[in-house]
Amino acid sequence: MNRFVLGALAALVLASVGLFWLQGRAEVEEGAPPPEVPSDDAGPEELPSAEIADLVGPELPEATELTREQRRFGRYDRDNDGRITGNEMLSTRTSGFRDLDKDGNNLLTFEEWAVTTVDKFDYADVDGNDWLTPGEFRRSAPPPSKPKPRCSC
């Protein structure tokens, strides 16, 4: 019973606040000055024109060469405010985390983390005997990085 009484009281209070708000808004609009009406004797305004034949625009900005560290900083600074927040720093790691988070609950369990190591071991263990020879262990190494091609100017 008390819930019904409190609910009705809350509805009444909200309705009265809304009513006072609407009345206050109406009074503000009534006090506004009326819009100006153009007089009939004023002719149509002519559009301004300019001779652009002799005009020259501003100089184009020069592109500066950024250092490697400045480019790396720019990749992390998502909002270009000159500083890197924790969220901006972690934003580059989200795709790797999503790859490990198999069930998609944004929690990484030991099993989800360990599955990549187990998969890597299974890939390297060619003969399936649950141990790696030196030749099989070489398969678990990360791929070699490709050297950057020289300029082909």
N, C-alpha and C. Protein backbone atom coordinates (compact mmCIF):
# COMPACT_ATOMS: atom_id res chain seq x y z
N MET A 1 0.82 -1.19 0.00
CA MET A 1 0.00 0.00 0.00
C MET A 1 0.87 1.26 0.00
N ASN A 2 1.94 1.21 0.82
CA ASN A 2 2.81 2.37 0.90
C ASN A 2 3.47 2.67 -0.45
N ARG A 3 3.78 1.60 -1.20
CA ARG A 3 4.40 1.81 -2.51
C ARG A 3 3.47 2.56 -3.46
N PHE A 4 2.19 2.23 -3.40
CA PHE A 4 1.22 2.92 -4.26
C PHE A 4 1.10 4.39 -3.89
N VAL A 5 1.07 4.68 -2.62
CA VAL A 5 0.96 6.06 -2.16
C VAL A 5 2.21 6.84 -2.56
N LEU A 6 3.38 6.24 -2.34
CA LEU A 6 4.63 6.92 -2.71
C LEU A 6 4.73 7.11 -4.23
N GLY A 7 4.29 6.12 -5.00
CA GLY A 7 4.30 6.24 -6.45
C GLY A 7 3.38 7.34 -6.93
N ALA A 8 2.19 7.43 -6.35
CA ALA A 8 1.25 8.49 -6.73
C ALA A 8 1.79 9.86 -6.34
N LEU A 9 2.42 9.94 -5.18
CA LEU A 9 3.01 11.20 -4.74
C LEU A 9 4.15 11.62 -5.67
N ALA A 10 5.00 10.67 -6.06
CA ALA A 10 6.11 10.98 -6.96
C ALA A 10 5.58 11.43 -8.33
N ALA A 11 4.53 10.78 -8.83
CA ALA A 11 3.95 11.17 -10.11
C ALA A 11 3.37 12.57 -10.04
N LEU A 12 2.71 12.90 -8.93
CA LEU A 12 2.14 14.23 -8.74
C LEU A 12 3.24 15.29 -8.69
N VAL A 13 4.34 15.00 -7.98
CA VAL A 13 5.45 15.95 -7.90
C VAL A 13 6.07 16.16 -9.27
N LEU A 14 6.30 15.09 -10.02
CA LEU A 14 6.88 15.21 -11.37
C LEU A 14 5.97 16.00 -12.31
N ALA A 15 4.66 15.76 -12.22
CA ALA A 15 3.73 16.50 -13.07
C ALA A 15 3.73 17.99 -12.72
N SER A 16 3.79 18.32 -11.43
CA SER A 16 3.78 19.74 -11.06
C SER A 16 5.09 20.41 -11.46
N VAL A 17 6.22 19.72 -11.35
CA VAL A 17 7.50 20.30 -11.79
C VAL A 17 7.46 20.55 -13.29
N GLY A 18 6.92 19.62 -14.05
CA GLY A 18 6.81 19.81 -15.49
C GLY A 18 5.90 20.96 -15.85
N LEU A 19 4.80 21.11 -15.13
CA LEU A 19 3.88 22.20 -15.39
C LEU A 19 4.53 23.55 -15.11
N PHE A 20 5.23 23.68 -13.99
CA PHE A 20 5.92 24.94 -13.67
C PHE A 20 7.02 25.23 -14.69
N TRP A 21 7.70 24.21 -15.14
CA TRP A 21 8.76 24.41 -16.14
C TRP A 21 8.17 24.94 -17.44
N LEU A 22 7.06 24.36 -17.89
CA LEU A 22 6.42 24.83 -19.12
C LEU A 22 5.90 26.25 -18.98
N GLN A 23 5.33 26.60 -17.83
CA GLN A 23 4.82 27.95 -17.63
C GLN A 23 5.96 28.96 -17.59
N GLY A 24 7.06 28.61 -16.96
CA GLY A 24 8.21 29.50 -16.93
C GLY A 24 8.77 29.72 -18.31
N ARG A 25 8.78 28.71 -19.14
CA ARG A 25 9.27 28.84 -20.51
C ARG A 25 8.34 29.73 -21.33
N ALA A 26 7.04 29.61 -21.11
CA ALA A 26 6.09 30.44 -21.84
C ALA A 26 6.26 31.90 -21.48
N GLU A 27 6.53 32.22 -20.22
CA GLU A 27 6.72 33.60 -19.82
C GLU A 27 7.97 34.19 -20.45
N VAL A 28 9.02 33.41 -20.59
CA VAL A 28 10.25 33.89 -21.21
C VAL A 28 9.98 34.21 -22.68
N GLU A 29 9.23 33.36 -23.35
CA GLU A 29 8.93 33.60 -24.76
C GLU A 29 8.01 34.80 -24.96
N GLU A 30 7.11 35.05 -24.01
CA GLU A 30 6.23 36.21 -24.13
C GLU A 30 7.01 37.50 -23.97
N GLY A 31 8.06 37.50 -23.14
CA GLY A 31 8.84 38.70 -22.90
C GLY A 31 9.85 38.98 -24.00
N ALA A 32 10.00 38.12 -24.97
CA ALA A 32 10.96 38.33 -26.04
C ALA A 32 10.47 39.43 -26.97
N PRO A 33 11.37 40.22 -27.53
CA PRO A 33 10.93 41.28 -28.44
C PRO A 33 10.39 40.67 -29.73
N PRO A 34 9.43 41.36 -30.35
CA PRO A 34 8.87 40.82 -31.60
C PRO A 34 9.91 40.89 -32.71
N PRO A 35 9.81 40.00 -33.67
CA PRO A 35 10.77 40.02 -34.77
C PRO A 35 10.60 41.28 -35.60
N GLU A 36 11.71 41.76 -36.13
CA GLU A 36 11.65 42.97 -36.95
C GLU A 36 11.04 42.64 -38.31
N VAL A 37 10.12 43.50 -38.73
CA VAL A 37 9.48 43.33 -40.03
C VAL A 37 10.14 44.31 -40.99
N PRO A 38 10.66 43.85 -42.12
CA PRO A 38 11.31 44.78 -43.05
C PRO A 38 10.28 45.75 -43.63
N SER A 39 10.73 46.96 -43.78
CA SER A 39 9.81 47.96 -44.35
C SER A 39 9.67 47.73 -45.85
N ASP A 40 8.53 48.19 -46.39
CA ASP A 40 8.24 47.96 -47.81
C ASP A 40 9.10 48.83 -48.73
N ASP A 41 9.64 49.95 -48.24
CA ASP A 41 10.38 50.83 -49.13
C ASP A 41 11.83 50.36 -49.34
N ALA A 42 12.30 49.40 -48.56
CA ALA A 42 13.66 48.89 -48.76
C ALA A 42 13.66 47.92 -49.93
N GLY A 43 14.55 48.16 -50.88
CA GLY A 43 14.66 47.29 -52.04
C GLY A 43 15.44 46.03 -51.71
N PRO A 44 15.50 45.11 -52.63
CA PRO A 44 16.24 43.88 -52.38
C PRO A 44 17.74 44.18 -52.29
N GLU A 45 18.40 43.49 -51.37
CA GLU A 45 19.82 43.71 -51.21
C GLU A 45 20.57 43.08 -52.39
N GLU A 46 21.58 43.78 -52.85
CA GLU A 46 22.39 43.23 -53.93
C GLU A 46 23.52 42.41 -53.34
N LEU A 47 23.85 41.36 -54.02
CA LEU A 47 24.93 40.50 -53.56
C LEU A 47 26.27 41.16 -53.85
N PRO A 48 27.21 41.11 -52.92
CA PRO A 48 28.51 41.71 -53.17
C PRO A 48 29.28 40.89 -54.21
N SER A 49 30.08 41.56 -54.96
CA SER A 49 30.90 40.86 -55.96
C SER A 49 32.34 41.29 -55.77
N ALA A 50 33.26 40.48 -56.21
CA ALA A 50 34.68 40.78 -56.07
C ALA A 50 35.39 40.35 -57.34
N GLU A 51 36.37 41.12 -57.70
CA GLU A 51 37.23 40.76 -58.83
C GLU A 51 38.32 39.84 -58.29
N ILE A 52 38.35 38.62 -58.75
CA ILE A 52 39.33 37.68 -58.21
C ILE A 52 40.51 37.47 -59.15
N ALA A 53 40.57 38.21 -60.21
CA ALA A 53 41.65 38.01 -61.17
C ALA A 53 43.02 38.33 -60.57
N ASP A 54 43.13 39.36 -59.74
CA ASP A 54 44.42 39.77 -59.20
C ASP A 54 44.68 39.24 -57.78
N LEU A 55 43.75 38.45 -57.23
CA LEU A 55 43.93 37.95 -55.87
C LEU A 55 44.82 36.72 -55.85
N VAL A 56 45.61 36.61 -54.80
CA VAL A 56 46.50 35.46 -54.60
C VAL A 56 46.21 34.89 -53.22
N GLY A 57 46.07 33.58 -53.15
CA GLY A 57 45.78 32.92 -51.88
C GLY A 57 47.02 32.82 -51.01
N PRO A 58 46.85 32.36 -49.79
CA PRO A 58 47.99 32.23 -48.87
C PRO A 58 48.93 31.13 -49.34
N GLU A 59 50.16 31.18 -48.85
CA GLU A 59 51.14 30.16 -49.19
C GLU A 59 50.72 28.82 -48.59
N LEU A 60 51.04 27.76 -49.29
CA LEU A 60 50.73 26.43 -48.79
C LEU A 60 51.65 26.09 -47.62
N PRO A 61 51.15 25.38 -46.64
CA PRO A 61 52.00 25.04 -45.50
C PRO A 61 53.05 24.00 -45.90
N GLU A 62 54.20 24.09 -45.28
CA GLU A 62 55.28 23.15 -45.55
C GLU A 62 55.09 21.93 -44.66
N ALA A 63 55.25 20.76 -45.22
CA ALA A 63 55.17 19.53 -44.44
C ALA A 63 56.53 19.29 -43.81
N THR A 64 56.54 19.08 -42.50
CA THR A 64 57.80 18.84 -41.82
C THR A 64 58.04 17.34 -41.71
N GLU A 65 59.29 16.95 -41.77
CA GLU A 65 59.65 15.55 -41.64
C GLU A 65 59.64 15.18 -40.16
N LEU A 66 58.83 14.19 -39.80
CA LEU A 66 58.74 13.77 -38.41
C LEU A 66 59.78 12.70 -38.12
N THR A 67 60.29 12.72 -36.92
CA THR A 67 61.22 11.67 -36.53
C THR A 67 60.44 10.38 -36.27
N ARG A 68 61.16 9.30 -36.15
CA ARG A 68 60.52 8.00 -35.90
C ARG A 68 59.75 8.03 -34.58
N GLU A 69 60.34 8.66 -33.57
CA GLU A 69 59.68 8.73 -32.26
C GLU A 69 58.44 9.60 -32.31
N GLN A 70 58.45 10.68 -33.08
CA GLN A 70 57.27 11.53 -33.21
C GLN A 70 56.14 10.79 -33.93
N ARG A 71 56.47 10.00 -34.94
CA ARG A 71 55.44 9.21 -35.62
C ARG A 71 54.86 8.16 -34.69
N ARG A 72 55.71 7.51 -33.89
CA ARG A 72 55.24 6.51 -32.93
C ARG A 72 54.34 7.17 -31.88
N PHE A 73 54.73 8.35 -31.40
CA PHE A 73 53.89 9.08 -30.44
C PHE A 73 52.55 9.41 -31.07
N GLY A 74 52.53 9.83 -32.32
CA GLY A 74 51.30 10.19 -33.00
C GLY A 74 50.35 9.01 -33.19
N ARG A 75 50.90 7.80 -33.33
CA ARG A 75 50.04 6.62 -33.46
C ARG A 75 49.28 6.33 -32.17
N TYR A 76 49.91 6.61 -31.03
CA TYR A 76 49.25 6.36 -29.75
C TYR A 76 48.34 7.52 -29.34
N ASP A 77 48.67 8.74 -29.68
CA ASP A 77 47.89 9.92 -29.28
C ASP A 77 46.67 10.03 -30.19
N ARG A 78 45.60 9.33 -29.84
CA ARG A 78 44.41 9.24 -30.69
C ARG A 78 43.68 10.57 -30.85
N ASP A 79 43.62 11.38 -29.78
CA ASP A 79 42.86 12.62 -29.86
C ASP A 79 43.75 13.84 -30.14
N ASN A 80 45.01 13.62 -30.46
CA ASN A 80 45.95 14.68 -30.86
C ASN A 80 46.00 15.84 -29.88
N ASP A 81 46.01 15.51 -28.57
CA ASP A 81 46.10 16.58 -27.58
C ASP A 81 47.51 16.73 -27.02
N GLY A 82 48.48 16.02 -27.58
CA GLY A 82 49.87 16.15 -27.16
C GLY A 82 50.23 15.34 -25.93
N ARG A 83 49.34 14.45 -25.49
CA ARG A 83 49.63 13.58 -24.36
C ARG A 83 48.91 12.26 -24.56
N ILE A 84 49.45 11.22 -23.96
CA ILE A 84 48.92 9.87 -24.13
C ILE A 84 48.33 9.41 -22.80
N THR A 85 47.04 9.07 -22.81
CA THR A 85 46.39 8.55 -21.62
C THR A 85 46.58 7.04 -21.55
N GLY A 86 46.21 6.47 -20.43
CA GLY A 86 46.31 5.02 -20.28
C GLY A 86 45.45 4.28 -21.29
N ASN A 87 44.25 4.80 -21.54
CA ASN A 87 43.36 4.15 -22.52
C ASN A 87 43.95 4.22 -23.92
N GLU A 88 44.57 5.34 -24.26
CA GLU A 88 45.19 5.46 -25.58
C GLU A 88 46.37 4.49 -25.70
N MET A 89 47.12 4.31 -24.62
CA MET A 89 48.25 3.40 -24.66
C MET A 89 47.79 1.96 -24.81
N LEU A 90 46.69 1.61 -24.16
CA LEU A 90 46.19 0.24 -24.23
C LEU A 90 45.38 -0.03 -25.49
N SER A 91 44.97 1.00 -26.21
CA SER A 91 44.10 0.79 -27.37
C SER A 91 44.76 -0.03 -28.45
N THR A 92 46.09 -0.02 -28.53
CA THR A 92 46.75 -0.81 -29.56
C THR A 92 46.81 -2.28 -29.19
N ARG A 93 46.51 -2.61 -27.96
CA ARG A 93 46.60 -4.00 -27.49
C ARG A 93 45.25 -4.72 -27.52
N THR A 94 44.18 -4.05 -27.89
CA THR A 94 42.86 -4.67 -27.79
C THR A 94 42.67 -5.81 -28.77
N SER A 95 43.22 -5.72 -29.98
CA SER A 95 43.01 -6.81 -30.94
C SER A 95 43.72 -8.07 -30.48
N GLY A 96 44.91 -7.95 -29.90
CA GLY A 96 45.60 -9.12 -29.37
C GLY A 96 44.84 -9.74 -28.21
N PHE A 97 44.26 -8.90 -27.36
CA PHE A 97 43.47 -9.41 -26.24
C PHE A 97 42.23 -10.13 -26.75
N ARG A 98 41.57 -9.56 -27.74
CA ARG A 98 40.36 -10.20 -28.28
C ARG A 98 40.68 -11.54 -28.93
N ASP A 99 41.87 -11.66 -29.52
CA ASP A 99 42.26 -12.95 -30.09
C ASP A 99 42.42 -14.01 -29.01
N LEU A 100 42.94 -13.61 -27.84
CA LEU A 100 43.12 -14.56 -26.75
C LEU A 100 41.83 -14.86 -26.00
N ASP A 101 40.91 -13.91 -25.92
CA ASP A 101 39.66 -14.06 -25.17
C ASP A 101 38.68 -14.85 -26.02
N LYS A 102 38.72 -16.17 -25.91
CA LYS A 102 37.93 -17.05 -26.78
C LYS A 102 36.44 -16.96 -26.51
N ASP A 103 36.03 -16.80 -25.25
CA ASP A 103 34.59 -16.77 -24.96
C ASP A 103 34.01 -15.36 -25.00
N GLY A 104 34.82 -14.34 -25.22
CA GLY A 104 34.33 -12.98 -25.42
C GLY A 104 33.75 -12.30 -24.20
N ASN A 105 34.17 -12.70 -22.98
CA ASN A 105 33.61 -12.08 -21.78
C ASN A 105 34.52 -11.01 -21.20
N ASN A 106 35.55 -10.60 -21.92
CA ASN A 106 36.51 -9.58 -21.50
C ASN A 106 37.27 -9.97 -20.25
N LEU A 107 37.34 -11.26 -19.96
CA LEU A 107 38.14 -11.80 -18.88
C LEU A 107 39.04 -12.87 -19.47
N LEU A 108 40.33 -12.78 -19.21
CA LEU A 108 41.28 -13.72 -19.77
C LEU A 108 41.65 -14.74 -18.70
N THR A 109 41.20 -15.98 -18.88
CA THR A 109 41.52 -17.03 -17.93
C THR A 109 42.86 -17.65 -18.31
N PHE A 110 43.41 -18.45 -17.41
CA PHE A 110 44.67 -19.11 -17.69
C PHE A 110 44.53 -20.04 -18.89
N GLU A 111 43.40 -20.73 -18.96
CA GLU A 111 43.19 -21.67 -20.06
C GLU A 111 43.17 -20.94 -21.40
N GLU A 112 42.51 -19.77 -21.45
CA GLU A 112 42.47 -19.00 -22.70
C GLU A 112 43.86 -18.52 -23.08
N TRP A 113 44.64 -18.12 -22.09
CA TRP A 113 45.99 -17.67 -22.38
C TRP A 113 46.88 -18.84 -22.80
N ALA A 114 46.72 -19.98 -22.12
CA ALA A 114 47.59 -21.13 -22.39
C ALA A 114 47.27 -21.80 -23.71
N VAL A 115 46.08 -21.61 -24.25
CA VAL A 115 45.71 -22.30 -25.49
C VAL A 115 46.64 -21.89 -26.65
N THR A 116 47.16 -20.69 -26.64
CA THR A 116 48.09 -20.30 -27.72
C THR A 116 49.39 -21.06 -27.62
N THR A 117 49.88 -21.29 -26.39
CA THR A 117 51.11 -22.06 -26.22
C THR A 117 50.88 -23.51 -26.60
N VAL A 118 49.75 -24.06 -26.21
CA VAL A 118 49.44 -25.45 -26.57
C VAL A 118 49.32 -25.59 -28.08
N ASP A 119 48.65 -24.64 -28.73
CA ASP A 119 48.53 -24.69 -30.18
C ASP A 119 49.90 -24.60 -30.85
N LYS A 120 50.76 -23.75 -30.32
CA LYS A 120 52.10 -23.62 -30.88
C LYS A 120 52.89 -24.92 -30.70
N PHE A 121 52.74 -25.56 -29.53
CA PHE A 121 53.42 -26.82 -29.29
C PHE A 121 52.89 -27.91 -30.23
N ASP A 122 51.57 -27.98 -30.37
CA ASP A 122 50.98 -28.99 -31.26
C ASP A 122 51.43 -28.78 -32.71
N TYR A 123 51.57 -27.54 -33.13
CA TYR A 123 52.04 -27.25 -34.48
C TYR A 123 53.50 -27.69 -34.65
N ALA A 124 54.32 -27.47 -33.63
CA ALA A 124 55.74 -27.81 -33.73
C ALA A 124 55.98 -29.31 -33.60
N ASP A 125 55.14 -30.02 -32.86
CA ASP A 125 55.33 -31.46 -32.65
C ASP A 125 54.79 -32.22 -33.86
N VAL A 126 55.63 -32.36 -34.86
CA VAL A 126 55.21 -32.95 -36.14
C VAL A 126 54.86 -34.42 -35.97
N ASP A 127 55.68 -35.17 -35.25
CA ASP A 127 55.43 -36.61 -35.15
C ASP A 127 54.46 -36.98 -34.04
N GLY A 128 53.99 -36.01 -33.24
CA GLY A 128 52.96 -36.25 -32.23
C GLY A 128 53.40 -37.09 -31.05
N ASN A 129 54.69 -37.08 -30.69
CA ASN A 129 55.18 -37.90 -29.57
C ASN A 129 55.24 -37.10 -28.27
N ASP A 130 54.69 -35.91 -28.22
CA ASP A 130 54.61 -35.05 -27.03
C ASP A 130 55.96 -34.57 -26.53
N TRP A 131 56.95 -34.51 -27.37
CA TRP A 131 58.22 -33.85 -27.07
C TRP A 131 58.82 -33.33 -28.36
N LEU A 132 59.62 -32.29 -28.24
CA LEU A 132 60.16 -31.61 -29.42
C LEU A 132 61.64 -31.90 -29.60
N THR A 133 61.99 -32.23 -30.81
CA THR A 133 63.41 -32.33 -31.17
C THR A 133 63.89 -30.93 -31.53
N PRO A 134 65.19 -30.70 -31.62
CA PRO A 134 65.66 -29.37 -32.02
C PRO A 134 65.10 -28.91 -33.36
N GLY A 135 64.91 -29.81 -34.29
CA GLY A 135 64.32 -29.44 -35.57
C GLY A 135 62.87 -29.03 -35.44
N GLU A 136 62.11 -29.74 -34.60
CA GLU A 136 60.72 -29.38 -34.38
C GLU A 136 60.62 -28.07 -33.60
N PHE A 137 61.54 -27.87 -32.66
CA PHE A 137 61.51 -26.64 -31.87
C PHE A 137 61.72 -25.41 -32.74
N ARG A 138 62.48 -25.54 -33.82
CA ARG A 138 62.68 -24.40 -34.74
C ARG A 138 61.36 -23.93 -35.36
N ARG A 139 60.40 -24.82 -35.47
CA ARG A 139 59.09 -24.43 -36.03
C ARG A 139 58.32 -23.49 -35.12
N SER A 140 58.64 -23.49 -33.82
CA SER A 140 57.92 -22.63 -32.87
C SER A 140 58.49 -21.21 -32.82
N ALA A 141 59.59 -20.95 -33.50
CA ALA A 141 60.19 -19.61 -33.50
C ALA A 141 59.30 -18.65 -34.26
N PRO A 142 59.29 -17.38 -33.85
CA PRO A 142 58.50 -16.40 -34.62
C PRO A 142 59.11 -16.23 -36.01
N PRO A 143 58.30 -15.88 -36.98
CA PRO A 143 58.83 -15.71 -38.34
C PRO A 143 59.85 -14.58 -38.37
N PRO A 144 60.88 -14.72 -39.18
CA PRO A 144 61.88 -13.64 -39.24
C PRO A 144 61.26 -12.39 -39.86
N SER A 145 61.69 -11.25 -39.33
CA SER A 145 61.16 -9.99 -39.85
C SER A 145 61.80 -9.72 -41.20
N LYS A 146 61.00 -9.22 -42.12
CA LYS A 146 61.48 -8.92 -43.46
C LYS A 146 62.25 -7.60 -43.43
N PRO A 147 63.42 -7.55 -44.05
CA PRO A 147 64.13 -6.27 -44.08
C PRO A 147 63.38 -5.28 -44.95
N LYS A 148 63.44 -4.03 -44.54
CA LYS A 148 62.75 -2.99 -45.31
C LYS A 148 63.46 -2.79 -46.64
N PRO A 149 62.68 -2.71 -47.71
CA PRO A 149 63.33 -2.49 -49.01
C PRO A 149 63.95 -1.11 -49.08
N ARG A 150 65.05 -1.05 -49.79
CA ARG A 150 65.70 0.24 -49.97
C ARG A 150 64.86 1.08 -50.90
N CYS A 151 65.10 2.36 -50.87
CA CYS A 151 64.37 3.29 -51.70
C CYS A 151 64.54 2.94 -53.17
N SER A 152 63.45 2.88 -53.91
CA SER A 152 63.51 2.58 -55.34
C SER A 152 63.26 3.86 -56.14
N CYS A 153 64.00 4.88 -55.78
CA CYS A 153 63.80 6.18 -56.41
C CYS A 153 64.25 6.16 -57.85
